[in-house]
Amino acid sequence: MAIPRVLLIVGAVGGLTAWVIAQGSPVSGRQEGPSVARGAAGASTTRQAASASRDPAFDVEVDRLRTGVSVMPSPSASGRNPFRFGATSRRRDGVAAYDSATPAAHETPEAGTAAADRPPMQLLGVAADESGGSLVRTAVIATPHQLYLVREGQQIAFRFQVTRISSDAVELRDLVGDDTFQLALR
């Protein structure tokens, strides 16, 4: 039983070796296509041999495409961040584009001036729920980094406390600067 197994393995390995060697050897007779040479000099020789067998109109088109590519402007670096929502803040033709990270002039709080370190906030909506005969309102407030669902008395980012929620506005108290401001629906 061991001798037939050894002969089978030797025959399979020998046949595989012969097949691998045959794949790398050149075929006798005329070869189709240009020979492939390695290196920079070989690459130009291969191109010259290939261009000799081509149509002259093809070479004209290739030269036209090469000159067109050399004249094209290089692609500009995109200011887009795929991990962030909103438009970029690139300037194009003297007009500043909208950037979601910077507050627009109409996003400043209505009551008083905004503190320099206060993040831009926007009231997106107010939900009302009748619980035990009393109306409980929940405000939806958006900042550049997070969305908050808050009720009266709760805090936003450990800095702002919700003092009052009406049907179309929220009154917030800044615990750091101890001032009060409102966010209204738009």
C-alpha atoms as a PDB file:
ATOM      1  CA  MET A   1       0.000   0.000   0.000  1.00  0.00           C
ATOM      2  CA  ALA A   2       2.909   2.369   0.649  1.00  0.00           C
ATOM      3  CA  ILE A   3       4.560   1.874  -2.774  1.00  0.00           C
ATOM      4  CA  PRO A   4       1.492   2.916  -4.852  1.00  0.00           C
ATOM      5  CA  ARG A   5       1.006   5.944  -2.600  1.00  0.00           C
ATOM      6  CA  VAL A   6       4.665   7.014  -3.058  1.00  0.00           C
ATOM      7  CA  LEU A   7       4.434   6.540  -6.835  1.00  0.00           C
ATOM      8  CA  LEU A   8       1.233   8.594  -6.952  1.00  0.00           C
ATOM      9  CA  ILE A   9       2.793  11.455  -4.974  1.00  0.00           C
ATOM     10  CA  VAL A  10       6.019  11.430  -7.039  1.00  0.00           C
ATOM     11  CA  GLY A  11       4.018  11.396 -10.275  1.00  0.00           C
ATOM     12  CA  ALA A  12       1.803  14.289  -9.148  1.00  0.00           C
ATOM     13  CA  VAL A  13       4.763  16.385  -8.017  1.00  0.00           C
ATOM     14  CA  GLY A  14       6.650  15.611 -11.238  1.00  0.00           C
ATOM     15  CA  GLY A  15       3.666  16.532 -13.401  1.00  0.00           C
ATOM     16  CA  LEU A  16       3.108  19.769 -11.493  1.00  0.00           C
ATOM     17  CA  THR A  17       6.788  20.668 -11.825  1.00  0.00           C
ATOM     18  CA  ALA A  18       6.744  19.996 -15.583  1.00  0.00           C
ATOM     19  CA  TRP A  19       3.623  22.137 -15.979  1.00  0.00           C
ATOM     20  CA  VAL A  20       5.158  25.075 -14.025  1.00  0.00           C
ATOM     21  CA  ILE A  21       8.343  24.921 -16.108  1.00  0.00           C
ATOM     22  CA  ALA A  22       6.351  24.786 -19.344  1.00  0.00           C
ATOM     23  CA  GLN A  23       4.425  27.931 -18.390  1.00  0.00           C
ATOM     24  CA  GLY A  24       7.622  29.971 -18.085  1.00  0.00           C
ATOM     25  CA  SER A  25       9.382  28.809 -21.245  1.00  0.00           C
ATOM     26  CA  PRO A  26       8.910  30.619 -24.574  1.00  0.00           C
ATOM     27  CA  VAL A  27       6.922  28.945 -27.329  1.00  0.00           C
ATOM     28  CA  SER A  28       8.989  27.999 -30.354  1.00  0.00           C
ATOM     29  CA  GLY A  29       8.057  29.779 -33.560  1.00  0.00           C
ATOM     30  CA  ARG A  30       6.758  33.298 -34.156  1.00  0.00           C
ATOM     31  CA  GLN A  31       5.637  35.259 -31.095  1.00  0.00           C
ATOM     32  CA  GLU A  32       2.534  37.454 -31.111  1.00  0.00           C
ATOM     33  CA  GLY A  33       2.929  41.008 -29.805  1.00  0.00           C
ATOM     34  CA  PRO A  34       6.027  42.876 -28.620  1.00  0.00           C
ATOM     35  CA  SER A  35       8.466  41.308 -26.217  1.00  0.00           C
ATOM     36  CA  VAL A  36       8.381  42.753 -22.732  1.00  0.00           C
ATOM     37  CA  ALA A  37      11.680  44.195 -21.539  1.00  0.00           C
ATOM     38  CA  ARG A  38      12.350  45.363 -18.001  1.00  0.00           C
ATOM     39  CA  GLY A  39      13.635  48.838 -17.051  1.00  0.00           C
ATOM     40  CA  ALA A  40      13.253  52.334 -18.490  1.00  0.00           C
ATOM     41  CA  ALA A  41      15.157  51.635 -21.712  1.00  0.00           C
ATOM     42  CA  GLY A  42      13.169  48.462 -22.300  1.00  0.00           C
ATOM     43  CA  ALA A  43       9.891  50.342 -21.855  1.00  0.00           C
ATOM     44  CA  SER A  44      10.729  52.825 -24.608  1.00  0.00           C
ATOM     45  CA  THR A  45      11.829  49.979 -26.903  1.00  0.00           C
ATOM     46  CA  THR A  46       8.527  48.214 -26.317  1.00  0.00           C
ATOM     47  CA  ARG A  47       6.566  51.396 -27.072  1.00  0.00           C
ATOM     48  CA  GLN A  48       8.484  51.973 -30.295  1.00  0.00           C
ATOM     49  CA  ALA A  49       7.920  48.407 -31.437  1.00  0.00           C
ATOM     50  CA  ALA A  50       4.221  48.648 -30.603  1.00  0.00           C
ATOM     51  CA  SER A  51       3.823  52.031 -32.328  1.00  0.00           C
ATOM     52  CA  ALA A  52       5.362  50.673 -35.540  1.00  0.00           C
ATOM     53  CA  SER A  53       2.439  48.271 -35.924  1.00  0.00           C
ATOM     54  CA  ARG A  54      -0.278  50.855 -35.091  1.00  0.00           C
ATOM     55  CA  ASP A  55      -2.328  53.161 -37.253  1.00  0.00           C
ATOM     56  CA  PRO A  56      -0.856  56.698 -37.600  1.00  0.00           C
ATOM     57  CA  ALA A  57      -4.239  58.235 -36.717  1.00  0.00           C
ATOM     58  CA  PHE A  58      -4.085  56.399 -33.403  1.00  0.00           C
ATOM     59  CA  ASP A  59      -0.694  57.960 -32.629  1.00  0.00           C
ATOM     60  CA  VAL A  60      -2.080  61.417 -33.429  1.00  0.00           C
ATOM     61  CA  GLU A  61      -4.940  60.878 -30.965  1.00  0.00           C
ATOM     62  CA  VAL A  62      -2.558  59.617 -28.270  1.00  0.00           C
ATOM     63  CA  ASP A  63      -0.346  62.689 -28.683  1.00  0.00           C
ATOM     64  CA  ARG A  64      -3.411  64.947 -28.545  1.00  0.00           C
ATOM     65  CA  LEU A  65      -4.540  63.310 -25.303  1.00  0.00           C
ATOM     66  CA  ARG A  66      -1.070  63.617 -23.754  1.00  0.00           C
ATOM     67  CA  THR A  67      -0.892  67.342 -24.514  1.00  0.00           C
ATOM     68  CA  GLY A  68      -4.427  67.812 -23.173  1.00  0.00           C
ATOM     69  CA  VAL A  69      -3.536  66.110 -19.904  1.00  0.00           C
ATOM     70  CA  SER A  70      -0.392  68.208 -19.492  1.00  0.00           C
ATOM     71  CA  VAL A  71      -2.402  71.435 -19.903  1.00  0.00           C
ATOM     72  CA  MET A  72      -5.164  70.458 -17.428  1.00  0.00           C
ATOM     73  CA  PRO A  73      -5.057  72.118 -14.006  1.00  0.00           C
ATOM     74  CA  SER A  74      -4.169  69.904 -11.095  1.00  0.00           C
ATOM     75  CA  PRO A  75      -7.083  68.862  -8.911  1.00  0.00           C
ATOM     76  CA  SER A  76      -7.658  71.176  -5.974  1.00  0.00           C
ATOM     77  CA  ALA A  77      -7.650  69.870  -2.444  1.00  0.00           C
ATOM     78  CA  SER A  78     -11.186  69.410  -1.226  1.00  0.00           C
ATOM     79  CA  GLY A  79     -12.102  71.171   1.994  1.00  0.00           C
ATOM     80  CA  ARG A  80     -14.859  68.639   2.568  1.00  0.00           C
ATOM     81  CA  ASN A  81     -14.726  66.505   5.680  1.00  0.00           C
ATOM     82  CA  PRO A  82     -16.703  63.284   5.131  1.00  0.00           C
ATOM     83  CA  PHE A  83     -17.080  62.799   8.881  1.00  0.00           C
ATOM     84  CA  ARG A  84     -18.880  66.090   9.462  1.00  0.00           C
ATOM     85  CA  PHE A  85     -22.275  67.311   8.278  1.00  0.00           C
ATOM     86  CA  GLY A  86     -22.686  70.677   6.614  1.00  0.00           C
ATOM     87  CA  ALA A  87     -20.858  72.718   4.026  1.00  0.00           C
ATOM     88  CA  THR A  88     -17.250  73.818   4.162  1.00  0.00           C
ATOM     89  CA  SER A  89     -16.049  77.309   4.969  1.00  0.00           C
ATOM     90  CA  ARG A  90     -13.963  77.793   1.838  1.00  0.00           C
ATOM     91  CA  ARG A  91     -14.068  81.148   0.141  1.00  0.00           C
ATOM     92  CA  ARG A  92     -14.917  81.037  -3.530  1.00  0.00           C
ATOM     93  CA  ASP A  93     -15.067  84.118  -5.763  1.00  0.00           C
ATOM     94  CA  GLY A  94     -14.992  86.465  -2.761  1.00  0.00           C
ATOM     95  CA  VAL A  95     -18.165  84.999  -1.223  1.00  0.00           C
ATOM     96  CA  ALA A  96     -17.869  83.054   2.006  1.00  0.00           C
ATOM     97  CA  ALA A  97     -19.631  79.717   2.043  1.00  0.00           C
ATOM     98  CA  TYR A  98     -21.781  78.647   4.973  1.00  0.00           C
ATOM     99  CA  ASP A  99     -20.036  76.669   7.695  1.00  0.00           C
ATOM    100  CA  SER A 100     -22.153  74.757  10.185  1.00  0.00           C
ATOM    101  CA  ALA A 101     -19.500  75.144  12.903  1.00  0.00           C
ATOM    102  CA  THR A 102     -19.670  78.945  12.956  1.00  0.00           C
ATOM    103  CA  PRO A 103     -22.866  80.686  14.017  1.00  0.00           C
ATOM    104  CA  ALA A 104     -24.550  82.899  11.488  1.00  0.00           C
ATOM    105  CA  ALA A 105     -25.619  86.420  12.381  1.00  0.00           C
ATOM    106  CA  HIS A 106     -29.266  85.387  12.793  1.00  0.00           C
ATOM    107  CA  GLU A 107     -28.396  82.563  15.231  1.00  0.00           C
ATOM    108  CA  THR A 108     -27.330  84.831  18.075  1.00  0.00           C
ATOM    109  CA  PRO A 109     -29.600  84.782  21.115  1.00  0.00           C
ATOM    110  CA  GLU A 110     -32.325  87.379  21.050  1.00  0.00           C
ATOM    111  CA  ALA A 111     -31.973  88.583  24.637  1.00  0.00           C
ATOM    112  CA  GLY A 112     -28.644  90.382  25.005  1.00  0.00           C
ATOM    113  CA  THR A 113     -25.301  89.613  23.448  1.00  0.00           C
ATOM    114  CA  ALA A 114     -23.879  86.122  23.341  1.00  0.00           C
ATOM    115  CA  ALA A 115     -20.846  85.234  25.402  1.00  0.00           C
ATOM    116  CA  ALA A 116     -17.728  84.630  23.340  1.00  0.00           C
ATOM    117  CA  ASP A 117     -17.317  81.082  24.595  1.00  0.00           C
ATOM    118  CA  ARG A 118     -21.002  80.112  24.340  1.00  0.00           C
ATOM    119  CA  PRO A 119     -21.597  77.433  21.684  1.00  0.00           C
ATOM    120  CA  PRO A 120     -24.174  78.193  19.006  1.00  0.00           C
ATOM    121  CA  MET A 121     -27.519  76.642  19.902  1.00  0.00           C
ATOM    122  CA  GLN A 122     -30.754  76.314  18.010  1.00  0.00           C
ATOM    123  CA  LEU A 123     -34.216  75.338  19.213  1.00  0.00           C
ATOM    124  CA  LEU A 124     -35.496  72.704  16.807  1.00  0.00           C
ATOM    125  CA  GLY A 125     -38.842  71.991  18.423  1.00  0.00           C
ATOM    126  CA  VAL A 126     -40.964  71.646  21.531  1.00  0.00           C
ATOM    127  CA  ALA A 127     -42.939  68.514  22.395  1.00  0.00           C
ATOM    128  CA  ALA A 128     -45.791  68.571  24.883  1.00  0.00           C
ATOM    129  CA  ASP A 129     -47.088  65.649  26.941  1.00  0.00           C
ATOM    130  CA  GLU A 130     -50.045  65.751  29.301  1.00  0.00           C
ATOM    131  CA  SER A 131     -49.064  63.802  32.387  1.00  0.00           C
ATOM    132  CA  GLY A 132     -51.397  63.629  35.401  1.00  0.00           C
ATOM    133  CA  GLY A 133     -53.439  66.648  34.311  1.00  0.00           C
ATOM    134  CA  SER A 134     -50.348  68.900  33.906  1.00  0.00           C
ATOM    135  CA  LEU A 135     -48.585  69.806  30.687  1.00  0.00           C
ATOM    136  CA  VAL A 136     -44.932  68.697  30.514  1.00  0.00           C
ATOM    137  CA  ARG A 137     -42.866  70.175  27.674  1.00  0.00           C
ATOM    138  CA  THR A 138     -39.641  68.790  26.235  1.00  0.00           C
ATOM    139  CA  ALA A 139     -37.352  71.046  24.185  1.00  0.00           C
ATOM    140  CA  VAL A 140     -35.165  69.781  21.350  1.00  0.00           C
ATOM    141  CA  ILE A 141     -31.981  71.881  21.267  1.00  0.00           C
ATOM    142  CA  ALA A 142     -29.146  71.378  18.779  1.00  0.00           C
ATOM    143  CA  THR A 143     -25.500  72.370  19.222  1.00  0.00           C
ATOM    144  CA  PRO A 144     -22.721  71.687  16.711  1.00  0.00           C
ATOM    145  CA  HIS A 145     -21.722  68.524  18.557  1.00  0.00           C
ATOM    146  CA  GLN A 146     -24.889  67.142  20.140  1.00  0.00           C
ATOM    147  CA  LEU A 147     -28.671  67.097  20.195  1.00  0.00           C
ATOM    148  CA  TYR A 148     -30.365  67.611  23.570  1.00  0.00           C
ATOM    149  CA  LEU A 149     -33.872  66.655  24.712  1.00  0.00           C
ATOM    150  CA  VAL A 150     -34.423  68.617  27.935  1.00  0.00           C
ATOM    151  CA  ARG A 151     -37.230  69.561  30.318  1.00  0.00           C
ATOM    152  CA  GLU A 152     -37.470  72.433  32.765  1.00  0.00           C
ATOM    153  CA  GLY A 153     -34.792  72.234  35.455  1.00  0.00           C
ATOM    154  CA  GLN A 154     -32.434  70.015  33.459  1.00  0.00           C
ATOM    155  CA  GLN A 155     -28.961  71.070  32.329  1.00  0.00           C
ATOM    156  CA  ILE A 156     -27.285  71.181  28.943  1.00  0.00           C
ATOM    157  CA  ALA A 157     -23.555  70.362  28.842  1.00  0.00           C
ATOM    158  CA  PHE A 158     -23.234  71.004  32.601  1.00  0.00           C
ATOM    159  CA  ARG A 159     -23.340  74.737  31.858  1.00  0.00           C
ATOM    160  CA  PHE A 160     -26.843  75.818  30.855  1.00  0.00           C
ATOM    161  CA  GLN A 161     -29.982  75.221  32.895  1.00  0.00           C
ATOM    162  CA  VAL A 162     -33.438  75.227  31.330  1.00  0.00           C
ATOM    163  CA  THR A 163     -35.535  77.648  33.362  1.00  0.00           C
ATOM    164  CA  ARG A 164     -38.711  77.824  31.262  1.00  0.00           C
ATOM    165  CA  ILE A 165     -40.156  76.176  28.156  1.00  0.00           C
ATOM    166  CA  SER A 166     -43.045  77.785  26.288  1.00  0.00           C
ATOM    167  CA  SER A 167     -44.726  76.549  23.121  1.00  0.00           C
ATOM    168  CA  ASP A 168     -42.287  78.419  20.848  1.00  0.00           C
ATOM    169  CA  ALA A 169     -39.277  79.428  22.989  1.00  0.00           C
ATOM    170  CA  VAL A 170     -36.897  78.171  25.671  1.00  0.00           C
ATOM    171  CA  GLU A 171     -35.298  80.281  28.383  1.00  0.00           C
ATOM    172  CA  LEU A 172     -31.801  79.162  29.411  1.00  0.00           C
ATOM    173  CA  ARG A 173     -29.592  80.353  32.247  1.00  0.00           C
ATOM    174  CA  ASP A 174     -25.820  80.315  31.766  1.00  0.00           C
ATOM    175  CA  LEU A 175     -24.403  78.936  35.005  1.00  0.00           C
ATOM    176  CA  VAL A 176     -20.910  80.276  34.267  1.00  0.00           C
ATOM    177  CA  GLY A 177     -21.790  83.841  33.329  1.00  0.00           C
ATOM    178  CA  ASP A 178     -25.029  83.896  35.363  1.00  0.00           C
ATOM    179  CA  ASP A 179     -27.063  85.482  32.577  1.00  0.00           C
ATOM    180  CA  THR A 180     -30.352  84.409  31.005  1.00  0.00           C
ATOM    181  CA  PHE A 181     -31.123  84.179  27.290  1.00  0.00           C
ATOM    182  CA  GLN A 182     -33.833  82.750  25.042  1.00  0.00           C
ATOM    183  CA  LEU A 183     -33.882  80.434  22.067  1.00  0.00           C
ATOM    184  CA  ALA A 184     -36.916  80.786  19.821  1.00  0.00           C
ATOM    185  CA  LEU A 185     -38.339  78.568  17.094  1.00  0.00           C
ATOM    186  CA  ARG A 186     -37.870  79.738  13.530  1.00  0.00           C
END
